[in-house]
Amino acid sequence: MGGVKMLLVSTKEIGDALRHKRKQMGLSQSELGKRVGLDQKKVSLMENGNPNTRVESLLRLLSALELGVVLQPKADSSQNDSTDF
């Protein structure tokens, strides 16, 4: 299960990670879009770091790419090890 964990802090970094994984899986933007009910243009916008991407669309894309999201406090956070957000 492990896998590589990446700390992504910008929409550009998220888009780059999406593009890398899509290409790794041998999918075109159109093919990926069809799997999740989005057109190619929306996939392109996400991969280019569009800050107006809907969370629901991003989650569908991540699922199709066999990726997930982990929320954690920032490393420089002054909070203790609490799971409260």
PDB file of N, CA and C in Angstrom:
ATOM      1  N   MET A   1       0.821  -1.191   0.000  1.00  0.00           N
ATOM      2  CA  MET A   1       0.000   0.000   0.000  1.00  0.00           C
ATOM      3  C   MET A   1       0.863   1.252   0.000  1.00  0.00           C
ATOM      4  N   GLY A   2       1.894   1.342   0.792  1.00  0.00           N
ATOM      5  CA  GLY A   2       2.833   2.444   0.958  1.00  0.00           C
ATOM      6  C   GLY A   2       2.776   3.529  -0.093  1.00  0.00           C
ATOM      7  N   GLY A   3       3.625   3.427  -1.095  1.00  0.00           N
ATOM      8  CA  GLY A   3       3.660   4.430  -2.137  1.00  0.00           C
ATOM      9  C   GLY A   3       4.463   5.646  -1.722  1.00  0.00           C
ATOM     10  N   VAL A   4       4.629   6.555  -2.655  1.00  0.00           N
ATOM     11  CA  VAL A   4       5.387   7.776  -2.421  1.00  0.00           C
ATOM     12  C   VAL A   4       4.441   8.857  -1.939  1.00  0.00           C
ATOM     13  N   LYS A   5       4.836   9.554  -0.885  1.00  0.00           N
ATOM     14  CA  LYS A   5       4.041  10.676  -0.392  1.00  0.00           C
ATOM     15  C   LYS A   5       4.718  11.964  -0.825  1.00  0.00           C
ATOM     16  N   MET A   6       3.914  12.908  -1.295  1.00  0.00           N
ATOM     17  CA  MET A   6       4.439  14.186  -1.750  1.00  0.00           C
ATOM     18  C   MET A   6       3.702  15.307  -1.041  1.00  0.00           C
ATOM     19  N   LEU A   7       4.442  16.308  -0.594  1.00  0.00           N
ATOM     20  CA  LEU A   7       3.831  17.493  -0.015  1.00  0.00           C
ATOM     21  C   LEU A   7       3.643  18.506  -1.134  1.00  0.00           C
ATOM     22  N   LEU A   8       2.406  18.767  -1.470  1.00  0.00           N
ATOM     23  CA  LEU A   8       2.084  19.697  -2.547  1.00  0.00           C
ATOM     24  C   LEU A   8       1.473  20.946  -1.937  1.00  0.00           C
ATOM     25  N   VAL A   9       2.033  22.102  -2.251  1.00  0.00           N
ATOM     26  CA  VAL A   9       1.575  23.326  -1.597  1.00  0.00           C
ATOM     27  C   VAL A   9       1.002  24.362  -2.564  1.00  0.00           C
ATOM     28  N   SER A  10       0.904  24.018  -3.834  1.00  0.00           N
ATOM     29  CA  SER A  10       0.326  24.965  -4.791  1.00  0.00           C
ATOM     30  C   SER A  10      -0.497  24.202  -5.829  1.00  0.00           C
ATOM     31  N   THR A  11      -1.390  24.926  -6.485  1.00  0.00           N
ATOM     32  CA  THR A  11      -2.193  24.298  -7.533  1.00  0.00           C
ATOM     33  C   THR A  11      -1.306  23.847  -8.690  1.00  0.00           C
ATOM     34  N   LYS A  12      -0.216  24.547  -8.938  1.00  0.00           N
ATOM     35  CA  LYS A  12       0.740  24.154  -9.988  1.00  0.00           C
ATOM     36  C   LYS A  12       1.367  22.812  -9.656  1.00  0.00           C
ATOM     37  N   GLU A  13       1.776  22.613  -8.412  1.00  0.00           N
ATOM     38  CA  GLU A  13       2.374  21.337  -8.004  1.00  0.00           C
ATOM     39  C   GLU A  13       1.360  20.198  -8.090  1.00  0.00           C
ATOM     40  N   ILE A  14       0.121  20.471  -7.709  1.00  0.00           N
ATOM     41  CA  ILE A  14      -0.930  19.454  -7.816  1.00  0.00           C
ATOM     42  C   ILE A  14      -1.130  19.085  -9.284  1.00  0.00           C
ATOM     43  N   GLY A  15      -1.215  20.092 -10.140  1.00  0.00           N
ATOM     44  CA  GLY A  15      -1.381  19.844 -11.572  1.00  0.00           C
ATOM     45  C   GLY A  15      -0.240  19.040 -12.166  1.00  0.00           C
ATOM     46  N   ASP A  16       0.986  19.376 -11.766  1.00  0.00           N
ATOM     47  CA  ASP A  16       2.153  18.630 -12.256  1.00  0.00           C
ATOM     48  C   ASP A  16       2.086  17.165 -11.832  1.00  0.00           C
ATOM     49  N   ALA A  17       1.659  16.921 -10.593  1.00  0.00           N
ATOM     50  CA  ALA A  17       1.544  15.545 -10.091  1.00  0.00           C
ATOM     51  C   ALA A  17       0.457  14.781 -10.849  1.00  0.00           C
ATOM     52  N   LEU A  18      -0.663  15.446 -11.135  1.00  0.00           N
ATOM     53  CA  LEU A  18      -1.737  14.815 -11.905  1.00  0.00           C
ATOM     54  C   LEU A  18      -1.238  14.433 -13.299  1.00  0.00           C
ATOM     55  N   ARG A  19      -0.567  15.365 -13.958  1.00  0.00           N
ATOM     56  CA  ARG A  19      -0.048  15.117 -15.308  1.00  0.00           C
ATOM     57  C   ARG A  19       0.943  13.950 -15.310  1.00  0.00           C
ATOM     58  N   HIS A  20       1.852  13.958 -14.352  1.00  0.00           N
ATOM     59  CA  HIS A  20       2.859  12.897 -14.264  1.00  0.00           C
ATOM     60  C   HIS A  20       2.195  11.528 -14.117  1.00  0.00           C
ATOM     61  N   LYS A  21       1.223  11.426 -13.214  1.00  0.00           N
ATOM     62  CA  LYS A  21       0.551  10.147 -12.971  1.00  0.00           C
ATOM     63  C   LYS A  21      -0.271   9.715 -14.185  1.00  0.00           C
ATOM     64  N   ARG A  22      -0.952  10.673 -14.824  1.00  0.00           N
ATOM     65  CA  ARG A  22      -1.749  10.348 -16.015  1.00  0.00           C
ATOM     66  C   ARG A  22      -0.855   9.771 -17.111  1.00  0.00           C
ATOM     67  N   LYS A  23       0.266  10.423 -17.349  1.00  0.00           N
ATOM     68  CA  LYS A  23       1.190   9.941 -18.379  1.00  0.00           C
ATOM     69  C   LYS A  23       1.791   8.595 -17.993  1.00  0.00           C
ATOM     70  N   GLN A  24       2.074   8.431 -16.705  1.00  0.00           N
ATOM     71  CA  GLN A  24       2.604   7.158 -16.213  1.00  0.00           C
ATOM     72  C   GLN A  24       1.622   6.020 -16.493  1.00  0.00           C
ATOM     73  N   MET A  25       0.333   6.329 -16.420  1.00  0.00           N
ATOM     74  CA  MET A  25      -0.708   5.333 -16.674  1.00  0.00           C
ATOM     75  C   MET A  25      -1.012   5.183 -18.169  1.00  0.00           C
ATOM     76  N   GLY A  26      -0.376   5.989 -19.007  1.00  0.00           N
ATOM     77  CA  GLY A  26      -0.570   5.893 -20.450  1.00  0.00           C
ATOM     78  C   GLY A  26      -1.903   6.422 -20.936  1.00  0.00           C
ATOM     79  N   LEU A  27      -2.460   7.400 -20.231  1.00  0.00           N
ATOM     80  CA  LEU A  27      -3.763   7.958 -20.592  1.00  0.00           C
ATOM     81  C   LEU A  27      -3.614   9.340 -21.216  1.00  0.00           C
ATOM     82  N   SER A  28      -4.464   9.644 -22.173  1.00  0.00           N
ATOM     83  CA  SER A  28      -4.553  11.010 -22.687  1.00  0.00           C
ATOM     84  C   SER A  28      -5.481  11.797 -21.761  1.00  0.00           C
ATOM     85  N   GLN A  29      -5.464  13.105 -21.905  1.00  0.00           N
ATOM     86  CA  GLN A  29      -6.389  13.927 -21.117  1.00  0.00           C
ATOM     87  C   GLN A  29      -7.835  13.563 -21.443  1.00  0.00           C
ATOM     88  N   SER A  30      -8.115  13.302 -22.703  1.00  0.00           N
ATOM     89  CA  SER A  30      -9.481  12.931 -23.106  1.00  0.00           C
ATOM     90  C   SER A  30      -9.910  11.614 -22.482  1.00  0.00           C
ATOM     91  N   GLU A  31      -9.016  10.627 -22.501  1.00  0.00           N
ATOM     92  CA  GLU A  31      -9.341   9.317 -21.917  1.00  0.00           C
ATOM     93  C   GLU A  31      -9.601   9.438 -20.419  1.00  0.00           C
ATOM     94  N   LEU A  32      -8.759  10.186 -19.739  1.00  0.00           N
ATOM     95  CA  LEU A  32      -8.951  10.376 -18.302  1.00  0.00           C
ATOM     96  C   LEU A  32     -10.259  11.109 -18.037  1.00  0.00           C
ATOM     97  N   GLY A  33     -10.515  12.148 -18.813  1.00  0.00           N
ATOM     98  CA  GLY A  33     -11.750  12.902 -18.651  1.00  0.00           C
ATOM     99  C   GLY A  33     -12.989  12.036 -18.811  1.00  0.00           C
ATOM    100  N   LYS A  34     -12.975  11.149 -19.798  1.00  0.00           N
ATOM    101  CA  LYS A  34     -14.120  10.257 -20.018  1.00  0.00           C
ATOM    102  C   LYS A  34     -14.353   9.347 -18.817  1.00  0.00           C
ATOM    103  N   ARG A  35     -13.284   8.920 -18.181  1.00  0.00           N
ATOM    104  CA  ARG A  35     -13.418   8.042 -17.010  1.00  0.00           C
ATOM    105  C   ARG A  35     -14.115   8.726 -15.839  1.00  0.00           C
ATOM    106  N   VAL A  36     -13.985  10.043 -15.763  1.00  0.00           N
ATOM    107  CA  VAL A  36     -14.535  10.759 -14.604  1.00  0.00           C
ATOM    108  C   VAL A  36     -15.643  11.740 -14.968  1.00  0.00           C
ATOM    109  N   GLY A  37     -16.050  11.759 -16.236  1.00  0.00           N
ATOM    110  CA  GLY A  37     -17.145  12.633 -16.648  1.00  0.00           C
ATOM    111  C   GLY A  37     -16.757  14.089 -16.821  1.00  0.00           C
ATOM    112  N   LEU A  38     -15.507  14.337 -17.216  1.00  0.00           N
ATOM    113  CA  LEU A  38     -15.044  15.699 -17.484  1.00  0.00           C
ATOM    114  C   LEU A  38     -14.551  15.775 -18.920  1.00  0.00           C
ATOM    115  N   ASP A  39     -14.631  16.954 -19.519  1.00  0.00           N
ATOM    116  CA  ASP A  39     -14.071  17.075 -20.860  1.00  0.00           C
ATOM    117  C   ASP A  39     -12.562  17.315 -20.781  1.00  0.00           C
ATOM    118  N   GLN A  40     -11.902  17.171 -21.906  1.00  0.00           N
ATOM    119  CA  GLN A  40     -10.441  17.293 -21.973  1.00  0.00           C
ATOM    120  C   GLN A  40      -9.973  18.654 -21.485  1.00  0.00           C
ATOM    121  N   LYS A  41     -10.730  19.701 -21.788  1.00  0.00           N
ATOM    122  CA  LYS A  41     -10.335  21.056 -21.391  1.00  0.00           C
ATOM    123  C   LYS A  41     -10.259  21.187 -19.870  1.00  0.00           C
ATOM    124  N   LYS A  42     -11.217  20.599 -19.152  1.00  0.00           N
ATOM    125  CA  LYS A  42     -11.201  20.663 -17.682  1.00  0.00           C
ATOM    126  C   LYS A  42      -9.984  19.938 -17.118  1.00  0.00           C
ATOM    127  N   VAL A  43      -9.653  18.773 -17.705  1.00  0.00           N
ATOM    128  CA  VAL A  43      -8.473  18.031 -17.260  1.00  0.00           C
ATOM    129  C   VAL A  43      -7.231  18.885 -17.495  1.00  0.00           C
ATOM    130  N   SER A  44      -7.159  19.525 -18.648  1.00  0.00           N
ATOM    131  CA  SER A  44      -6.028  20.393 -18.968  1.00  0.00           C
ATOM    132  C   SER A  44      -5.916  21.546 -17.970  1.00  0.00           C
ATOM    133  N   LEU A  45      -7.044  22.160 -17.656  1.00  0.00           N
ATOM    134  CA  LEU A  45      -7.038  23.261 -16.687  1.00  0.00           C
ATOM    135  C   LEU A  45      -6.511  22.796 -15.329  1.00  0.00           C
ATOM    136  N   MET A  46      -6.939  21.617 -14.886  1.00  0.00           N
ATOM    137  CA  MET A  46      -6.460  21.084 -13.607  1.00  0.00           C
ATOM    138  C   MET A  46      -4.955  20.850 -13.650  1.00  0.00           C
ATOM    139  N   GLU A  47      -4.493  20.261 -14.745  1.00  0.00           N
ATOM    140  CA  GLU A  47      -3.066  19.964 -14.871  1.00  0.00           C
ATOM    141  C   GLU A  47      -2.226  21.233 -14.955  1.00  0.00           C
ATOM    142  N   ASN A  48      -2.841  22.324 -15.360  1.00  0.00           N
ATOM    143  CA  ASN A  48      -2.122  23.592 -15.448  1.00  0.00           C
ATOM    144  C   ASN A  48      -2.300  24.453 -14.203  1.00  0.00           C
ATOM    145  N   GLY A  49      -2.863  23.861 -13.154  1.00  0.00           N
ATOM    146  CA  GLY A  49      -2.940  24.543 -11.866  1.00  0.00           C
ATOM    147  C   GLY A  49      -4.054  25.553 -11.719  1.00  0.00           C
ATOM    148  N   ASN A  50      -5.149  25.362 -12.433  1.00  0.00           N
ATOM    149  CA  ASN A  50      -6.285  26.276 -12.320  1.00  0.00           C
ATOM    150  C   ASN A  50      -6.763  26.343 -10.873  1.00  0.00           C
ATOM    151  N   PRO A  51      -6.717  27.530 -10.251  1.00  0.00           N
ATOM    152  CA  PRO A  51      -7.129  27.645  -8.852  1.00  0.00           C
ATOM    153  C   PRO A  51      -8.637  27.547  -8.642  1.00  0.00           C
ATOM    154  N   ASN A  52      -9.412  27.530  -9.720  1.00  0.00           N
ATOM    155  CA  ASN A  52     -10.873  27.464  -9.607  1.00  0.00           C
ATOM    156  C   ASN A  52     -11.425  26.055  -9.781  1.00  0.00           C
ATOM    157  N   THR A  53     -10.565  25.057  -9.669  1.00  0.00           N
ATOM    158  CA  THR A  53     -10.996  23.666  -9.795  1.00  0.00           C
ATOM    159  C   THR A  53     -11.915  23.289  -8.640  1.00  0.00           C
ATOM    160  N   ARG A  54     -13.015  22.619  -8.948  1.00  0.00           N
ATOM    161  CA  ARG A  54     -13.933  22.155  -7.906  1.00  0.00           C
ATOM    162  C   ARG A  54     -13.317  20.964  -7.180  1.00  0.00           C
ATOM    163  N   VAL A  55     -13.457  20.947  -5.877  1.00  0.00           N
ATOM    164  CA  VAL A  55     -12.899  19.862  -5.067  1.00  0.00           C
ATOM    165  C   VAL A  55     -13.470  18.524  -5.511  1.00  0.00           C
ATOM    166  N   GLU A  56     -14.758  18.474  -5.799  1.00  0.00           N
ATOM    167  CA  GLU A  56     -15.398  17.230  -6.240  1.00  0.00           C
ATOM    168  C   GLU A  56     -14.741  16.701  -7.517  1.00  0.00           C
ATOM    169  N   SER A  57     -14.474  17.580  -8.465  1.00  0.00           N
ATOM    170  CA  SER A  57     -13.821  17.168  -9.716  1.00  0.00           C
ATOM    171  C   SER A  57     -12.409  16.673  -9.450  1.00  0.00           C
ATOM    172  N   LEU A  58     -11.688  17.367  -8.594  1.00  0.00           N
ATOM    173  CA  LEU A  58     -10.331  16.956  -8.248  1.00  0.00           C
ATOM    174  C   LEU A  58     -10.330  15.578  -7.599  1.00  0.00           C
ATOM    175  N   LEU A  59     -11.259  15.333  -6.690  1.00  0.00           N
ATOM    176  CA  LEU A  59     -11.328  14.032  -6.017  1.00  0.00           C
ATOM    177  C   LEU A  59     -11.653  12.907  -6.998  1.00  0.00           C
ATOM    178  N   ARG A  60     -12.536  13.168  -7.960  1.00  0.00           N
ATOM    179  CA  ARG A  60     -12.846  12.151  -8.979  1.00  0.00           C
ATOM    180  C   ARG A  60     -11.616  11.844  -9.825  1.00  0.00           C
ATOM    181  N   LEU A  61     -10.880  12.891 -10.191  1.00  0.00           N
ATOM    182  CA  LEU A  61      -9.672  12.706 -10.985  1.00  0.00           C
ATOM    183  C   LEU A  61      -8.621  11.930 -10.201  1.00  0.00           C
ATOM    184  N   LEU A  62      -8.434  12.289  -8.939  1.00  0.00           N
ATOM    185  CA  LEU A  62      -7.470  11.577  -8.090  1.00  0.00           C
ATOM    186  C   LEU A  62      -7.827  10.100  -7.982  1.00  0.00           C
ATOM    187  N   SER A  63      -9.099   9.803  -7.801  1.00  0.00           N
ATOM    188  CA  SER A  63      -9.542   8.420  -7.681  1.00  0.00           C
ATOM    189  C   SER A  63      -9.235   7.636  -8.956  1.00  0.00           C
ATOM    190  N   ALA A  64      -9.515   8.229 -10.111  1.00  0.00           N
ATOM    191  CA  ALA A  64      -9.242   7.561 -11.385  1.00  0.00           C
ATOM    192  C   ALA A  64      -7.749   7.322 -11.591  1.00  0.00           C
ATOM    193  N   LEU A  65      -6.927   8.181 -10.990  1.00  0.00           N
ATOM    194  CA  LEU A  65      -5.475   8.043 -11.100  1.00  0.00           C
ATOM    195  C   LEU A  65      -4.892   7.215  -9.953  1.00  0.00           C
ATOM    196  N   GLU A  66      -5.780   6.633  -9.152  1.00  0.00           N
ATOM    197  CA  GLU A  66      -5.374   5.809  -8.011  1.00  0.00           C
ATOM    198  C   GLU A  66      -4.512   6.595  -7.024  1.00  0.00           C
ATOM    199  N   LEU A  67      -4.918   7.852  -6.802  1.00  0.00           N
ATOM    200  CA  LEU A  67      -4.251   8.734  -5.849  1.00  0.00           C
ATOM    201  C   LEU A  67      -5.246   9.143  -4.780  1.00  0.00           C
ATOM    202  N   GLY A  68      -4.755   9.664  -3.684  1.00  0.00           N
ATOM    203  CA  GLY A  68      -5.617  10.125  -2.608  1.00  0.00           C
ATOM    204  C   GLY A  68      -5.061  11.390  -1.983  1.00  0.00           C
ATOM    205  N   VAL A  69      -5.771  11.902  -1.006  1.00  0.00           N
ATOM    206  CA  VAL A  69      -5.384  13.123  -0.306  1.00  0.00           C
ATOM    207  C   VAL A  69      -5.237  12.814   1.173  1.00  0.00           C
ATOM    208  N   VAL A  70      -4.184  13.346   1.767  1.00  0.00           N
ATOM    209  CA  VAL A  70      -3.984  13.244   3.210  1.00  0.00           C
ATOM    210  C   VAL A  70      -3.848  14.660   3.744  1.00  0.00           C
ATOM    211  N   LEU A  71      -4.655  15.010   4.731  1.00  0.00           N
ATOM    212  CA  LEU A  71      -4.550  16.324   5.357  1.00  0.00           C
ATOM    213  C   LEU A  71      -3.740  16.195   6.630  1.00  0.00           C
ATOM    214  N   GLN A  72      -2.777  17.078   6.801  1.00  0.00           N
ATOM    215  CA  GLN A  72      -1.959  17.049   8.006  1.00  0.00           C
ATOM    216  C   GLN A  72      -1.543  18.471   8.341  1.00  0.00           C
ATOM    217  N   PRO A  73      -1.244  18.721   9.616  1.00  0.00           N
ATOM    218  CA  PRO A  73      -0.782  20.057   9.990  1.00  0.00           C
ATOM    219  C   PRO A  73       0.541  20.372   9.301  1.00  0.00           C
ATOM    220  N   LYS A  74       0.777  21.648   9.064  1.00  0.00           N
ATOM    221  CA  LYS A  74       2.056  22.060   8.500  1.00  0.00           C
ATOM    222  C   LYS A  74       3.174  21.704   9.466  1.00  0.00           C
ATOM    223  N   ALA A  75       4.339  21.415   8.943  1.00  0.00           N
ATOM    224  CA  ALA A  75       5.488  21.031   9.766  1.00  0.00           C
ATOM    225  C   ALA A  75       5.878  22.141  10.726  1.00  0.00           C
ATOM    226  N   ASP A  76       5.690  23.393  10.339  1.00  0.00           N
ATOM    227  CA  ASP A  76       6.078  24.503  11.201  1.00  0.00           C
ATOM    228  C   ASP A  76       4.944  24.965  12.115  1.00  0.00           C
ATOM    229  N   SER A  77       3.872  24.190  12.158  1.00  0.00           N
ATOM    230  CA  SER A  77       2.727  24.536  12.989  1.00  0.00           C
ATOM    231  C   SER A  77       3.102  24.485  14.458  1.00  0.00           C
ATOM    232  N   SER A  78       2.625  25.432  15.229  1.00  0.00           N
ATOM    233  CA  SER A  78       2.926  25.465  16.659  1.00  0.00           C
ATOM    234  C   SER A  78       1.969  24.597  17.463  1.00  0.00           C
ATOM    235  N   GLN A  79       1.006  23.972  16.775  1.00  0.00           N
ATOM    236  CA  GLN A  79       0.048  23.113  17.469  1.00  0.00           C
ATOM    237  C   GLN A  79       0.700  21.788  17.828  1.00  0.00           C
ATOM    238  N   ASN A  80       0.187  21.160  18.882  1.00  0.00           N
ATOM    239  CA  ASN A  80       0.695  19.838  19.252  1.00  0.00           C
ATOM    240  C   ASN A  80       0.112  18.781  18.322  1.00  0.00           C
ATOM    241  N   ASP A  81       0.361  17.522  18.600  1.00  0.00           N
ATOM    242  CA  ASP A  81      -0.066  16.426  17.731  1.00  0.00           C
ATOM    243  C   ASP A  81      -1.552  16.118  17.860  1.00  0.00           C
ATOM    244  N   SER A  82      -2.386  17.075  17.721  1.00  0.00           N
ATOM    245  CA  SER A  82      -3.828  16.890  17.816  1.00  0.00           C
ATOM    246  C   SER A  82      -4.402  16.588  16.438  1.00  0.00           C
ATOM    247  N   THR A  83      -5.473  15.799  16.402  1.00  0.00           N
ATOM    248  CA  THR A  83      -6.140  15.526  15.129  1.00  0.00           C
ATOM    249  C   THR A  83      -7.251  16.531  14.864  1.00  0.00           C
ATOM    250  N   ASP A  84      -7.444  17.488  15.762  1.00  0.00           N
ATOM    251  CA  ASP A  84      -8.463  18.515  15.562  1.00  0.00           C
ATOM    252  C   ASP A  84      -7.995  19.509  14.506  1.00  0.00           C
ATOM    253  N   PHE A  85      -8.927  19.903  13.625  1.00  0.00           N
ATOM    254  CA  PHE A  85      -8.606  20.905  12.626  1.00  0.00           C
ATOM    255  C   PHE A  85      -9.205  22.172  13.113  1.00  0.00           C
TER     256      PHE A  85
END
